[in-house]
Structures are given as C-alpha cells and as structure tokens.
Amino acid sequence: MIDLLKQEQAIALTMVSQKVSWLAAVRLYKNVSRTDAAKMLNITPDALKRIEKEQISAHMKSRMAEIYECPDTLLVCPSWMHGRTE
C-alpha cells in the first residue's frame, strides 16, 4: 500500500498539472468522475464543483473519504502544500 506522503505527492502533481483544487485532485487521483461522485453524495455535479473549491464540513469529508476509499486526512491539503494552492 502506498504511504500517505506518496499519495499526497501524487495528488499534488495532479493538482498542479490539472490546475484544480486539492479535493478535485484527490477525486481525480482516485479515478472517480465528478458526475459519479456527485451521484454518490446525492448532490449535483455543479454543487460538487463548488464544494471542491471550499473547505468542507466534517460530515462531507467523511462521506467523500468513503466514496474515494481513502482516509479523511488525505482530503486535507497537507501543510507542505500551503502557498501552492489556488
């Protein structure tokens, strides 16, 4: 299993290369489309797009972690990325 730092580095690369937020990069890294994630969260794709650009509630973070099959800590932009986010 890939350790957390390696996952964060891969997500950071996705974030920079795709020019997306951290949450969107996690979703892309986990190969989940915005449409599929929105359906599983019972929201619209546009609502998910807005959520991915904002800080999320603990409840939403927990639900997203389940869908993306990752620890909820991975959904928080790591401290070493601060200053490099959108």
Protein backbone atom coordinates (compact mmCIF):
# COMPACT_ATOMS: atom_id res chain seq x y z
CA MET A 1 0.00 0.00 0.00
CA ILE A 2 1.24 3.44 -0.91
CA ASP A 3 2.05 5.50 2.14
CA LEU A 4 0.29 8.80 2.82
CA LEU A 5 3.21 11.03 1.75
CA LYS A 6 3.48 9.31 -1.65
CA GLN A 7 -0.26 9.69 -2.16
CA GLU A 8 -0.05 13.36 -1.21
CA GLN A 9 2.80 13.88 -3.67
CA ALA A 10 0.85 12.20 -6.47
CA ILE A 11 -2.22 14.29 -5.65
CA ALA A 12 -0.10 17.46 -5.59
CA LEU A 13 1.21 16.60 -9.03
CA THR A 14 -2.36 16.09 -10.27
CA MET A 15 -3.38 19.38 -8.66
CA VAL A 16 -0.63 21.32 -10.41
CA SER A 17 -0.84 19.57 -13.78
CA GLN A 18 -4.66 19.75 -13.96
CA LYS A 19 -4.88 23.19 -12.28
CA VAL A 20 -7.55 22.01 -9.86
CA SER A 21 -8.17 22.27 -6.11
CA TRP A 22 -6.82 19.71 -3.66
CA LEU A 23 -10.22 17.99 -3.29
CA ALA A 24 -10.68 17.77 -7.05
CA ALA A 25 -7.17 16.35 -7.37
CA VAL A 26 -7.96 13.66 -4.76
CA ARG A 27 -11.09 12.72 -6.73
CA LEU A 28 -9.11 12.56 -9.98
CA TYR A 29 -6.30 10.58 -8.31
CA LYS A 30 -8.90 8.09 -7.11
CA ASN A 31 -10.34 7.86 -10.65
CA VAL A 32 -13.82 9.00 -9.67
CA SER A 33 -15.66 11.27 -12.10
CA ARG A 34 -17.35 14.39 -10.80
CA THR A 35 -20.69 13.03 -12.03
CA ASP A 36 -20.26 9.69 -10.24
CA ALA A 37 -19.04 11.31 -7.02
CA ALA A 38 -21.95 13.77 -7.08
CA LYS A 39 -24.44 10.92 -7.53
CA MET A 40 -22.96 9.04 -4.57
CA LEU A 41 -23.04 12.22 -2.46
CA ASN A 42 -26.63 12.90 -3.60
CA ILE A 43 -25.74 16.36 -4.93
CA THR A 44 -25.35 17.88 -8.38
CA PRO A 45 -22.02 17.91 -10.22
CA ASP A 46 -22.10 21.74 -10.05
CA ALA A 47 -22.55 21.58 -6.27
CA LEU A 48 -19.58 19.22 -6.02
CA LYS A 49 -17.50 21.58 -8.16
CA ARG A 50 -18.24 24.39 -5.68
CA ILE A 51 -17.55 22.15 -2.68
CA GLU A 52 -14.18 21.13 -4.12
CA LYS A 53 -13.12 24.79 -4.07
CA GLU A 54 -14.14 25.41 -0.44
CA GLN A 55 -13.44 24.00 2.99
CA ILE A 56 -15.79 21.12 3.66
CA SER A 57 -17.69 20.01 6.73
CA ALA A 58 -16.55 17.01 8.73
CA HIS A 59 -19.66 15.12 7.59
CA MET A 60 -18.98 15.79 3.89
CA LYS A 61 -15.31 14.91 4.36
CA SER A 62 -16.30 11.59 5.92
CA ARG A 63 -18.70 10.79 3.07
CA MET A 64 -16.11 11.71 0.43
CA ALA A 65 -13.47 9.55 2.15
CA GLU A 66 -15.85 6.59 1.98
CA ILE A 67 -16.53 7.15 -1.72
CA TYR A 68 -12.87 7.72 -2.60
CA GLU A 69 -11.82 4.84 -0.31
CA CYS A 70 -9.17 6.87 1.46
CA PRO A 71 -8.51 8.21 4.94
CA ASP A 72 -10.25 11.53 5.56
CA THR A 73 -6.86 13.06 6.38
CA LEU A 74 -6.00 12.72 2.69
CA LEU A 75 -8.81 15.16 1.91
CA VAL A 76 -6.99 17.95 3.74
CA CYS A 77 -4.31 19.76 1.79
CA PRO A 78 -1.02 18.95 3.57
CA SER A 79 0.90 21.72 5.30
CA TRP A 80 3.83 21.37 2.89
CA MET A 81 1.48 22.44 0.06
CA HIS A 82 0.39 25.72 1.69
CA GLY A 83 1.24 28.65 -0.51
CA ARG A 84 0.94 26.48 -3.61
CA THR A 85 -2.82 26.04 -3.67
CA GLU A 86 -5.34 28.02 -5.72
